[in-house]
Amino acid sequence: MISILIPTYNYNVYPLVTELKKQADSLSVPYEILIQDDASTLFLKKNEAINALENCVYTLNRENLGRGNNINVLNSKARFDYVLIMEADALPENKNYLETFVKTITPETEVIFGGVTYPKAQPNSEQLLRWKYGNNRESIALEDRLKNPYHFVFTWNLLVKKEMLSQNPFPVSVKEYGYEDVAFIKKLKTQNITIRHIENRLIHFNQESSTVFIQKTEKAVQTLKQLLESNELAYEDTRIGRTYLQFRSLGLDKSLAFLFRRCSKRLLSNLTSSNPSLVLLDLYKLGYFCALDTQKQPT
């Protein structure tokens, strides 16, 4: 019936697995929970205990594959027709989480997205940027997701037909963080594959510090450049790409890169503060993108 796929890296995924197993056992449907650890060094003993649970398999990659490739491999191992892609640092909002997905599946189902939310309690100031970003940019109401089904969707808490994912894998060229999900969703949109949106959210307990989140944001922008150069994404496919094109058409991309280099420390000071601005985060990403691009342009 359903294969639950959990790519993970340096995270204790045992609590998530036990909750999912409890829900799956109550449904009396065939299932498996496959966890693939991407060459982690932490929480290995806790995660290895998963193998003692019936219908649950934990494996550890010897080399880092990257999230997208990790999901591709998990999908190739899956035994059932539908796979549910999870995020390791998340938990279902409701006790009938799996039941809702199972009851929603029809013979026509190709993709279902359940939505995400974040804890209501504000974290300490060192972790505020990621929490604020998640609540404002990722926790989207169902009615808004329905208006733009290919935009407000993530590649976790995502149920997909195994065959469809096999035919449309995540980009194998991406081994670093970022934008592999955008490339995957673009494939679905190009082929007019329907994404059904429902209210069946996961709570994302991401506890990254603001500094780590900024570092991952920089890595994601680097990955975006890679996908643009390989033509797996176009500038028009992302907000940052479209904005960059506007600046470049006005001949302002190099000026923005120069300003970024001059002002990046001030931006970082705000982003790591107790009152980070998401507008300044957008400016940081755009400036960083321009700085990367102008490195390859002749002076």
C-alpha atoms as a PDB file:
ATOM      1  CA  MET A   1       0.000   0.000   0.000  1.00  0.00           C
ATOM      2  CA  ILE A   2       2.483   2.671   1.156  1.00  0.00           C
ATOM      3  CA  SER A   3       6.236   3.043   1.609  1.00  0.00           C
ATOM      4  CA  ILE A   4       7.319   5.839   3.945  1.00  0.00           C
ATOM      5  CA  LEU A   5      10.679   7.304   2.914  1.00  0.00           C
ATOM      6  CA  ILE A   6      12.745   9.294   5.414  1.00  0.00           C
ATOM      7  CA  PRO A   7      16.089  10.713   4.261  1.00  0.00           C
ATOM      8  CA  THR A   8      18.079  11.895   7.266  1.00  0.00           C
ATOM      9  CA  TYR A   9      21.394  13.415   8.262  1.00  0.00           C
ATOM     10  CA  ASN A  10      22.747  13.793  11.801  1.00  0.00           C
ATOM     11  CA  TYR A  11      19.307  13.614  13.379  1.00  0.00           C
ATOM     12  CA  ASN A  12      17.563  11.262  15.802  1.00  0.00           C
ATOM     13  CA  VAL A  13      14.692  10.011  13.668  1.00  0.00           C
ATOM     14  CA  TYR A  14      13.579   7.266  16.088  1.00  0.00           C
ATOM     15  CA  PRO A  15      10.685   9.292  17.636  1.00  0.00           C
ATOM     16  CA  LEU A  16       9.229  10.015  14.190  1.00  0.00           C
ATOM     17  CA  VAL A  17       9.514   6.373  13.126  1.00  0.00           C
ATOM     18  CA  THR A  18       7.790   5.072  16.255  1.00  0.00           C
ATOM     19  CA  GLU A  19       4.908   7.527  15.840  1.00  0.00           C
ATOM     20  CA  LEU A  20       4.466   6.601  12.179  1.00  0.00           C
ATOM     21  CA  LYS A  21       4.654   2.886  12.985  1.00  0.00           C
ATOM     22  CA  LYS A  22       2.005   3.243  15.684  1.00  0.00           C
ATOM     23  CA  GLN A  23      -0.327   4.972  13.249  1.00  0.00           C
ATOM     24  CA  ALA A  24       0.396   2.505  10.426  1.00  0.00           C
ATOM     25  CA  ASP A  25      -0.180  -0.555  12.630  1.00  0.00           C
ATOM     26  CA  SER A  26      -3.630   0.755  13.582  1.00  0.00           C
ATOM     27  CA  LEU A  27      -4.658   0.925   9.916  1.00  0.00           C
ATOM     28  CA  SER A  28      -4.049  -2.726   9.060  1.00  0.00           C
ATOM     29  CA  VAL A  29      -2.655  -1.878   5.615  1.00  0.00           C
ATOM     30  CA  PRO A  30       0.637  -3.069   4.111  1.00  0.00           C
ATOM     31  CA  TYR A  31       3.407  -0.573   4.826  1.00  0.00           C
ATOM     32  CA  GLU A  32       7.123  -0.140   5.294  1.00  0.00           C
ATOM     33  CA  ILE A  33       9.230   2.652   6.757  1.00  0.00           C
ATOM     34  CA  LEU A  34      12.600   3.114   5.053  1.00  0.00           C
ATOM     35  CA  ILE A  35      15.173   5.436   6.605  1.00  0.00           C
ATOM     36  CA  GLN A  36      18.387   6.232   4.778  1.00  0.00           C
ATOM     37  CA  ASP A  37      21.062   8.119   6.676  1.00  0.00           C
ATOM     38  CA  ASP A  38      23.307  10.183   4.414  1.00  0.00           C
ATOM     39  CA  ALA A  39      26.743   9.394   5.898  1.00  0.00           C
ATOM     40  CA  SER A  40      25.966  10.837   9.323  1.00  0.00           C
ATOM     41  CA  THR A  41      28.279  10.757  12.318  1.00  0.00           C
ATOM     42  CA  LEU A  42      25.691  11.520  15.013  1.00  0.00           C
ATOM     43  CA  PHE A  43      22.783   9.546  16.555  1.00  0.00           C
ATOM     44  CA  LEU A  44      23.901   6.319  14.887  1.00  0.00           C
ATOM     45  CA  LYS A  45      23.099   3.978  17.803  1.00  0.00           C
ATOM     46  CA  LYS A  46      19.697   5.561  18.396  1.00  0.00           C
ATOM     47  CA  ASN A  47      18.812   5.247  14.731  1.00  0.00           C
ATOM     48  CA  GLU A  48      20.179   1.717  14.389  1.00  0.00           C
ATOM     49  CA  ALA A  49      17.590   0.660  16.980  1.00  0.00           C
ATOM     50  CA  ILE A  50      14.978   1.244  14.260  1.00  0.00           C
ATOM     51  CA  ASN A  51      15.982  -2.066  12.666  1.00  0.00           C
ATOM     52  CA  ALA A  52      14.487  -3.893  15.656  1.00  0.00           C
ATOM     53  CA  LEU A  53      11.052  -2.537  14.696  1.00  0.00           C
ATOM     54  CA  GLU A  54       8.858  -4.617  12.402  1.00  0.00           C
ATOM     55  CA  ASN A  55       8.461  -3.211   8.862  1.00  0.00           C
ATOM     56  CA  CYS A  56      11.175  -0.615   9.516  1.00  0.00           C
ATOM     57  CA  VAL A  57      14.629  -0.514   7.905  1.00  0.00           C
ATOM     58  CA  TYR A  58      17.470   1.871   8.716  1.00  0.00           C
ATOM     59  CA  THR A  59      20.534   2.048   6.457  1.00  0.00           C
ATOM     60  CA  LEU A  60      23.607   4.282   6.500  1.00  0.00           C
ATOM     61  CA  ASN A  61      25.224   5.593   3.329  1.00  0.00           C
ATOM     62  CA  ARG A  62      29.002   5.360   3.239  1.00  0.00           C
ATOM     63  CA  GLU A  63      29.209   8.475   1.085  1.00  0.00           C
ATOM     64  CA  ASN A  64      27.019  11.571   1.104  1.00  0.00           C
ATOM     65  CA  LEU A  65      24.517  11.443  -1.766  1.00  0.00           C
ATOM     66  CA  GLY A  66      22.625  14.668  -1.123  1.00  0.00           C
ATOM     67  CA  ARG A  67      18.951  14.802  -0.223  1.00  0.00           C
ATOM     68  CA  GLY A  68      17.534  14.375  -3.733  1.00  0.00           C
ATOM     69  CA  ASN A  69      19.715  11.420  -4.628  1.00  0.00           C
ATOM     70  CA  ASN A  70      18.984   9.890  -1.240  1.00  0.00           C
ATOM     71  CA  ILE A  71      15.263  10.029  -2.006  1.00  0.00           C
ATOM     72  CA  ASN A  72      15.869   8.533  -5.464  1.00  0.00           C
ATOM     73  CA  VAL A  73      17.626   5.550  -3.894  1.00  0.00           C
ATOM     74  CA  LEU A  74      14.937   5.135  -1.234  1.00  0.00           C
ATOM     75  CA  ASN A  75      12.280   5.144  -3.946  1.00  0.00           C
ATOM     76  CA  SER A  76      14.137   2.415  -5.852  1.00  0.00           C
ATOM     77  CA  LYS A  77      14.010   0.259  -2.701  1.00  0.00           C
ATOM     78  CA  ALA A  78      10.317   0.879  -2.007  1.00  0.00           C
ATOM     79  CA  ARG A  79       8.013  -2.130  -2.420  1.00  0.00           C
ATOM     80  CA  PHE A  80       4.642  -0.411  -2.629  1.00  0.00           C
ATOM     81  CA  ASP A  81       2.856   1.670  -5.258  1.00  0.00           C
ATOM     82  CA  TYR A  82       2.845   4.911  -3.258  1.00  0.00           C
ATOM     83  CA  VAL A  83       5.696   6.524  -1.358  1.00  0.00           C
ATOM     84  CA  LEU A  84       5.390   9.200   1.312  1.00  0.00           C
ATOM     85  CA  ILE A  85       8.454  11.461   1.504  1.00  0.00           C
ATOM     86  CA  MET A  86       9.040  12.758   5.016  1.00  0.00           C
ATOM     87  CA  GLU A  87      11.371  15.189   6.770  1.00  0.00           C
ATOM     88  CA  ALA A  88      13.392  13.732   9.642  1.00  0.00           C
ATOM     89  CA  ASP A  89      12.918  16.705  11.979  1.00  0.00           C
ATOM     90  CA  ALA A  90       9.121  16.734  11.801  1.00  0.00           C
ATOM     91  CA  LEU A  91       6.153  15.061  13.470  1.00  0.00           C
ATOM     92  CA  PRO A  92       2.528  14.660  12.372  1.00  0.00           C
ATOM     93  CA  GLU A  93       0.184  17.337  13.680  1.00  0.00           C
ATOM     94  CA  ASN A  94      -2.619  14.769  14.127  1.00  0.00           C
ATOM     95  CA  LYS A  95      -2.883  11.167  15.260  1.00  0.00           C
ATOM     96  CA  ASN A  96      -4.855  10.280  12.115  1.00  0.00           C
ATOM     97  CA  TYR A  97      -2.099  11.617   9.831  1.00  0.00           C
ATOM     98  CA  LEU A  98      -1.425   8.395   7.898  1.00  0.00           C
ATOM     99  CA  GLU A  99      -5.100   7.456   7.847  1.00  0.00           C
ATOM    100  CA  THR A 100      -5.884  10.759   6.111  1.00  0.00           C
ATOM    101  CA  PHE A 101      -3.373  10.066   3.360  1.00  0.00           C
ATOM    102  CA  VAL A 102      -4.513   6.462   2.888  1.00  0.00           C
ATOM    103  CA  LYS A 103      -8.172   7.477   2.611  1.00  0.00           C
ATOM    104  CA  THR A 104      -7.321  10.242   0.131  1.00  0.00           C
ATOM    105  CA  ILE A 105      -5.585   7.924  -2.355  1.00  0.00           C
ATOM    106  CA  THR A 106      -7.623   7.074  -5.450  1.00  0.00           C
ATOM    107  CA  PRO A 107      -6.687   5.236  -8.674  1.00  0.00           C
ATOM    108  CA  GLU A 108      -6.027   8.670 -10.234  1.00  0.00           C
ATOM    109  CA  THR A 109      -3.711   9.884  -7.466  1.00  0.00           C
ATOM    110  CA  GLU A 110      -0.239  10.946  -8.565  1.00  0.00           C
ATOM    111  CA  VAL A 111       0.847  13.551  -5.990  1.00  0.00           C
ATOM    112  CA  ILE A 112      -0.657  14.747  -2.690  1.00  0.00           C
ATOM    113  CA  PHE A 113       0.825  17.479  -0.502  1.00  0.00           C
ATOM    114  CA  GLY A 114      -0.316  17.793   3.099  1.00  0.00           C
ATOM    115  CA  GLY A 115       1.186  21.137   4.084  1.00  0.00           C
ATOM    116  CA  VAL A 116       3.572  22.136   6.872  1.00  0.00           C
ATOM    117  CA  THR A 117       3.466  24.184  10.029  1.00  0.00           C
ATOM    118  CA  TYR A 118       5.888  25.284  12.737  1.00  0.00           C
ATOM    119  CA  PRO A 119       5.761  25.342  16.527  1.00  0.00           C
ATOM    120  CA  LYS A 120       3.865  28.311  17.906  1.00  0.00           C
ATOM    121  CA  ALA A 121       6.353  28.988  20.691  1.00  0.00           C
ATOM    122  CA  GLN A 122       9.087  31.413  19.676  1.00  0.00           C
ATOM    123  CA  PRO A 123      12.598  29.969  20.054  1.00  0.00           C
ATOM    124  CA  ASN A 124      15.595  31.779  21.482  1.00  0.00           C
ATOM    125  CA  SER A 125      17.098  34.620  19.463  1.00  0.00           C
ATOM    126  CA  GLU A 126      19.895  32.423  18.060  1.00  0.00           C
ATOM    127  CA  GLN A 127      17.292  30.283  16.247  1.00  0.00           C
ATOM    128  CA  LEU A 128      14.777  32.971  15.397  1.00  0.00           C
ATOM    129  CA  LEU A 129      15.511  33.494  11.698  1.00  0.00           C
ATOM    130  CA  ARG A 130      14.690  29.924  10.611  1.00  0.00           C
ATOM    131  CA  TRP A 131      11.528  29.836  12.730  1.00  0.00           C
ATOM    132  CA  LYS A 132      10.372  33.195  11.382  1.00  0.00           C
ATOM    133  CA  TYR A 133      11.090  32.124   7.791  1.00  0.00           C
ATOM    134  CA  GLY A 134       9.171  28.882   8.247  1.00  0.00           C
ATOM    135  CA  ASN A 135       6.112  30.527   9.765  1.00  0.00           C
ATOM    136  CA  ASN A 136       5.947  33.298   7.163  1.00  0.00           C
ATOM    137  CA  ARG A 137       7.140  31.591   3.975  1.00  0.00           C
ATOM    138  CA  GLU A 138       6.405  27.865   4.368  1.00  0.00           C
ATOM    139  CA  SER A 139       3.356  27.525   6.617  1.00  0.00           C
ATOM    140  CA  ILE A 140       0.760  28.324   3.945  1.00  0.00           C
ATOM    141  CA  ALA A 141      -3.008  27.982   4.437  1.00  0.00           C
ATOM    142  CA  LEU A 142      -4.769  25.377   2.320  1.00  0.00           C
ATOM    143  CA  GLU A 143      -6.877  27.945   0.464  1.00  0.00           C
ATOM    144  CA  ASP A 144      -3.723  29.756  -0.649  1.00  0.00           C
ATOM    145  CA  ARG A 145      -1.987  26.534  -1.676  1.00  0.00           C
ATOM    146  CA  LEU A 146      -4.971  25.614  -3.833  1.00  0.00           C
ATOM    147  CA  LYS A 147      -4.632  28.883  -5.751  1.00  0.00           C
ATOM    148  CA  ASN A 148      -1.044  28.095  -6.789  1.00  0.00           C
ATOM    149  CA  PRO A 149      -0.545  24.334  -6.422  1.00  0.00           C
ATOM    150  CA  TYR A 150       2.907  24.148  -8.032  1.00  0.00           C
ATOM    151  CA  HIS A 151       4.355  27.021  -6.006  1.00  0.00           C
ATOM    152  CA  PHE A 152       3.277  26.367  -2.432  1.00  0.00           C
ATOM    153  CA  VAL A 153       4.516  22.797  -2.242  1.00  0.00           C
ATOM    154  CA  PHE A 154       7.589  21.116  -0.769  1.00  0.00           C
ATOM    155  CA  THR A 155       9.140  17.737  -1.418  1.00  0.00           C
ATOM    156  CA  TRP A 156       8.376  16.472   2.043  1.00  0.00           C
ATOM    157  CA  ASN A 157       5.035  15.571   3.499  1.00  0.00           C
ATOM    158  CA  LEU A 158       4.558  14.641  -0.130  1.00  0.00           C
ATOM    159  CA  LEU A 159       2.842  11.436  -1.205  1.00  0.00           C
ATOM    160  CA  VAL A 160       3.681  10.401  -4.764  1.00  0.00           C
ATOM    161  CA  LYS A 161       3.161   7.442  -7.011  1.00  0.00           C
ATOM    162  CA  LYS A 162       6.345   5.381  -7.003  1.00  0.00           C
ATOM    163  CA  GLU A 163       6.308   4.892 -10.772  1.00  0.00           C
ATOM    164  CA  MET A 164       5.921   8.614 -11.360  1.00  0.00           C
ATOM    165  CA  LEU A 165       8.907   9.410  -9.111  1.00  0.00           C
ATOM    166  CA  SER A 166      10.973   6.739 -10.871  1.00  0.00           C
ATOM    167  CA  GLN A 167      10.235   8.430 -14.189  1.00  0.00           C
ATOM    168  CA  ASN A 168      10.889  11.917 -12.781  1.00  0.00           C
ATOM    169  CA  PRO A 169      13.745  11.569 -10.302  1.00  0.00           C
ATOM    170  CA  PHE A 170      15.359  14.372  -8.379  1.00  0.00           C
ATOM    171  CA  PRO A 171      18.346  15.906 -10.233  1.00  0.00           C
ATOM    172  CA  VAL A 172      21.225  13.458  -9.878  1.00  0.00           C
ATOM    173  CA  SER A 173      23.748  16.274 -10.355  1.00  0.00           C
ATOM    174  CA  VAL A 174      22.784  17.951  -7.072  1.00  0.00           C
ATOM    175  CA  LYS A 175      24.671  16.662  -4.055  1.00  0.00           C
ATOM    176  CA  GLU A 176      24.579  19.848  -2.003  1.00  0.00           C
ATOM    177  CA  TYR A 177      21.697  21.586  -0.276  1.00  0.00           C
ATOM    178  CA  GLY A 178      18.995  23.516  -2.083  1.00  0.00           C
ATOM    179  CA  TYR A 179      16.602  23.843  -5.043  1.00  0.00           C
ATOM    180  CA  GLU A 180      16.482  20.159  -5.972  1.00  0.00           C
ATOM    181  CA  ASP A 181      12.830  20.324  -4.939  1.00  0.00           C
ATOM    182  CA  VAL A 182      12.169  23.242  -7.318  1.00  0.00           C
ATOM    183  CA  ALA A 183      13.656  21.262 -10.212  1.00  0.00           C
ATOM    184  CA  PHE A 184      11.495  18.265  -9.308  1.00  0.00           C
ATOM    185  CA  ILE A 185       8.286  20.301  -9.071  1.00  0.00           C
ATOM    186  CA  LYS A 186       9.122  21.937 -12.403  1.00  0.00           C
ATOM    187  CA  LYS A 187       9.110  18.488 -14.025  1.00  0.00           C
ATOM    188  CA  LEU A 188       5.646  17.820 -12.630  1.00  0.00           C
ATOM    189  CA  LYS A 189       4.323  21.161 -13.855  1.00  0.00           C
ATOM    190  CA  THR A 190       5.827  20.688 -17.329  1.00  0.00           C
ATOM    191  CA  GLN A 191       4.058  17.330 -17.634  1.00  0.00           C
ATOM    192  CA  ASN A 192       0.779  18.636 -16.176  1.00  0.00           C
ATOM    193  CA  ILE A 193       0.976  16.151 -13.322  1.00  0.00           C
ATOM    194  CA  THR A 194      -1.715  17.154 -10.832  1.00  0.00           C
ATOM    195  CA  ILE A 195      -0.671  18.019  -7.289  1.00  0.00           C
ATOM    196  CA  ARG A 196      -3.576  17.622  -4.913  1.00  0.00           C
ATOM    197  CA  HIS A 197      -3.443  19.745  -1.754  1.00  0.00           C
ATOM    198  CA  ILE A 198      -5.055  18.625   1.497  1.00  0.00           C
ATOM    199  CA  GLU A 199      -4.956  19.697   5.145  1.00  0.00           C
ATOM    200  CA  ASN A 200      -2.695  17.071   6.741  1.00  0.00           C
ATOM    201  CA  ARG A 201       0.269  18.944   8.081  1.00  0.00           C
ATOM    202  CA  LEU A 202       3.596  18.016   9.555  1.00  0.00           C
ATOM    203  CA  ILE A 203       5.067  20.165  12.308  1.00  0.00           C
ATOM    204  CA  HIS A 204       8.619  21.094  11.361  1.00  0.00           C
ATOM    205  CA  PHE A 205      10.815  21.202  14.471  1.00  0.00           C
ATOM    206  CA  ASN A 206      13.810  22.709  12.712  1.00  0.00           C
ATOM    207  CA  GLN A 207      16.231  24.028  15.337  1.00  0.00           C
ATOM    208  CA  GLU A 208      18.946  25.467  13.113  1.00  0.00           C
ATOM    209  CA  SER A 209      20.716  28.524  14.394  1.00  0.00           C
ATOM    210  CA  SER A 210      20.417  31.676  12.316  1.00  0.00           C
ATOM    211  CA  THR A 211      24.095  31.354  11.391  1.00  0.00           C
ATOM    212  CA  VAL A 212      23.657  27.789  10.121  1.00  0.00           C
ATOM    213  CA  PHE A 213      20.507  28.765   8.215  1.00  0.00           C
ATOM    214  CA  ILE A 214      22.379  31.581   6.465  1.00  0.00           C
ATOM    215  CA  GLN A 215      25.213  29.195   5.571  1.00  0.00           C
ATOM    216  CA  LYS A 216      22.672  26.744   4.118  1.00  0.00           C
ATOM    217  CA  THR A 217      21.013  29.617   2.259  1.00  0.00           C
ATOM    218  CA  GLU A 218      24.350  30.476   0.644  1.00  0.00           C
ATOM    219  CA  LYS A 219      24.846  26.824  -0.277  1.00  0.00           C
ATOM    220  CA  ALA A 220      21.349  26.747  -1.798  1.00  0.00           C
ATOM    221  CA  VAL A 221      22.128  29.790  -3.953  1.00  0.00           C
ATOM    222  CA  GLN A 222      25.292  28.056  -5.165  1.00  0.00           C
ATOM    223  CA  THR A 223      23.206  25.000  -6.059  1.00  0.00           C
ATOM    224  CA  LEU A 224      20.735  27.231  -7.901  1.00  0.00           C
ATOM    225  CA  LYS A 225      23.605  28.555 -10.019  1.00  0.00           C
ATOM    226  CA  GLN A 226      24.598  24.966 -10.790  1.00  0.00           C
ATOM    227  CA  LEU A 227      21.063  24.068 -11.891  1.00  0.00           C
ATOM    228  CA  LEU A 228      20.867  27.177 -14.066  1.00  0.00           C
ATOM    229  CA  GLU A 229      24.167  26.346 -15.748  1.00  0.00           C
ATOM    230  CA  SER A 230      23.010  22.785 -16.442  1.00  0.00           C
ATOM    231  CA  ASN A 231      19.668  24.089 -17.786  1.00  0.00           C
ATOM    232  CA  GLU A 232      17.720  22.039 -15.255  1.00  0.00           C
ATOM    233  CA  LEU A 233      16.210  25.329 -14.106  1.00  0.00           C
ATOM    234  CA  ALA A 234      15.641  28.644 -15.896  1.00  0.00           C
ATOM    235  CA  TYR A 235      15.956  32.066 -14.309  1.00  0.00           C
ATOM    236  CA  GLU A 236      12.182  32.450 -14.589  1.00  0.00           C
ATOM    237  CA  ASP A 237      11.607  29.392 -12.395  1.00  0.00           C
ATOM    238  CA  THR A 238      12.562  31.131  -9.150  1.00  0.00           C
ATOM    239  CA  ARG A 239      11.805  34.458  -7.534  1.00  0.00           C
ATOM    240  CA  ILE A 240      15.491  35.221  -7.070  1.00  0.00           C
ATOM    241  CA  GLY A 241      16.176  34.417 -10.746  1.00  0.00           C
ATOM    242  CA  ARG A 242      13.376  36.655 -12.013  1.00  0.00           C
ATOM    243  CA  THR A 243      14.498  39.538  -9.796  1.00  0.00           C
ATOM    244  CA  TYR A 244      18.080  39.099 -10.940  1.00  0.00           C
ATOM    245  CA  LEU A 245      17.012  39.308 -14.597  1.00  0.00           C
ATOM    246  CA  GLN A 246      15.301  42.618 -13.902  1.00  0.00           C
ATOM    247  CA  PHE A 247      18.445  44.071 -12.335  1.00  0.00           C
ATOM    248  CA  ARG A 248      20.631  42.709 -15.127  1.00  0.00           C
ATOM    249  CA  SER A 249      18.371  44.182 -17.830  1.00  0.00           C
ATOM    250  CA  LEU A 250      18.957  47.577 -16.212  1.00  0.00           C
ATOM    251  CA  GLY A 251      22.701  46.988 -15.964  1.00  0.00           C
ATOM    252  CA  LEU A 252      22.542  47.021 -12.176  1.00  0.00           C
ATOM    253  CA  ASP A 253      23.674  43.486 -11.360  1.00  0.00           C
ATOM    254  CA  LYS A 254      27.332  44.412 -10.881  1.00  0.00           C
ATOM    255  CA  SER A 255      26.375  47.410  -8.760  1.00  0.00           C
ATOM    256  CA  LEU A 256      24.238  45.191  -6.554  1.00  0.00           C
ATOM    257  CA  ALA A 257      27.094  42.708  -6.210  1.00  0.00           C
ATOM    258  CA  PHE A 258      29.416  45.566  -5.190  1.00  0.00           C
ATOM    259  CA  LEU A 259      26.917  46.844  -2.601  1.00  0.00           C
ATOM    260  CA  PHE A 260      26.477  43.318  -1.253  1.00  0.00           C
ATOM    261  CA  ARG A 261      30.192  42.948  -0.645  1.00  0.00           C
ATOM    262  CA  ARG A 262      30.237  46.309   1.136  1.00  0.00           C
ATOM    263  CA  CYS A 263      27.099  45.755   3.217  1.00  0.00           C
ATOM    264  CA  SER A 264      26.965  41.994   3.836  1.00  0.00           C
ATOM    265  CA  LYS A 265      28.273  42.304   7.410  1.00  0.00           C
ATOM    266  CA  ARG A 266      25.507  44.768   8.265  1.00  0.00           C
ATOM    267  CA  LEU A 267      22.920  42.442   6.756  1.00  0.00           C
ATOM    268  CA  LEU A 268      24.296  39.515   8.738  1.00  0.00           C
ATOM    269  CA  SER A 269      24.162  41.576  11.903  1.00  0.00           C
ATOM    270  CA  ASN A 270      20.413  41.967  11.458  1.00  0.00           C
ATOM    271  CA  LEU A 271      19.787  38.397  10.326  1.00  0.00           C
ATOM    272  CA  THR A 272      21.466  36.970  13.429  1.00  0.00           C
ATOM    273  CA  SER A 273      19.768  39.451  15.781  1.00  0.00           C
ATOM    274  CA  SER A 274      16.671  39.083  17.963  1.00  0.00           C
ATOM    275  CA  ASN A 275      14.588  40.828  15.279  1.00  0.00           C
ATOM    276  CA  PRO A 276      15.681  39.484  11.882  1.00  0.00           C
ATOM    277  CA  SER A 277      14.072  40.900   8.741  1.00  0.00           C
ATOM    278  CA  LEU A 278      12.941  38.528   6.011  1.00  0.00           C
ATOM    279  CA  VAL A 279      13.151  41.402   3.522  1.00  0.00           C
ATOM    280  CA  LEU A 280      16.842  41.753   4.369  1.00  0.00           C
ATOM    281  CA  LEU A 281      17.221  37.990   3.987  1.00  0.00           C
ATOM    282  CA  ASP A 282      15.802  38.322   0.464  1.00  0.00           C
ATOM    283  CA  LEU A 283      18.281  41.134  -0.255  1.00  0.00           C
ATOM    284  CA  TYR A 284      21.118  39.024   1.122  1.00  0.00           C
ATOM    285  CA  LYS A 285      20.197  36.113  -1.169  1.00  0.00           C
ATOM    286  CA  LEU A 286      19.887  38.369  -4.202  1.00  0.00           C
ATOM    287  CA  GLY A 287      23.167  40.137  -3.460  1.00  0.00           C
ATOM    288  CA  TYR A 288      24.944  36.843  -2.902  1.00  0.00           C
ATOM    289  CA  PHE A 289      23.519  35.539  -6.179  1.00  0.00           C
ATOM    290  CA  CYS A 290      24.735  38.634  -8.042  1.00  0.00           C
ATOM    291  CA  ALA A 291      28.159  38.357  -6.435  1.00  0.00           C
ATOM    292  CA  LEU A 292      28.454  34.743  -7.604  1.00  0.00           C
ATOM    293  CA  ASP A 293      27.344  35.647 -11.113  1.00  0.00           C
ATOM    294  CA  THR A 294      29.656  38.619 -11.543  1.00  0.00           C
ATOM    295  CA  GLN A 295      32.630  36.479 -10.548  1.00  0.00           C
ATOM    296  CA  LYS A 296      32.253  34.773 -13.948  1.00  0.00           C
ATOM    297  CA  GLN A 297      31.641  37.920 -15.959  1.00  0.00           C
ATOM    298  CA  PRO A 298      34.464  39.833 -17.664  1.00  0.00           C
ATOM    299  CA  THR A 299      35.285  43.168 -16.034  1.00  0.00           C
END
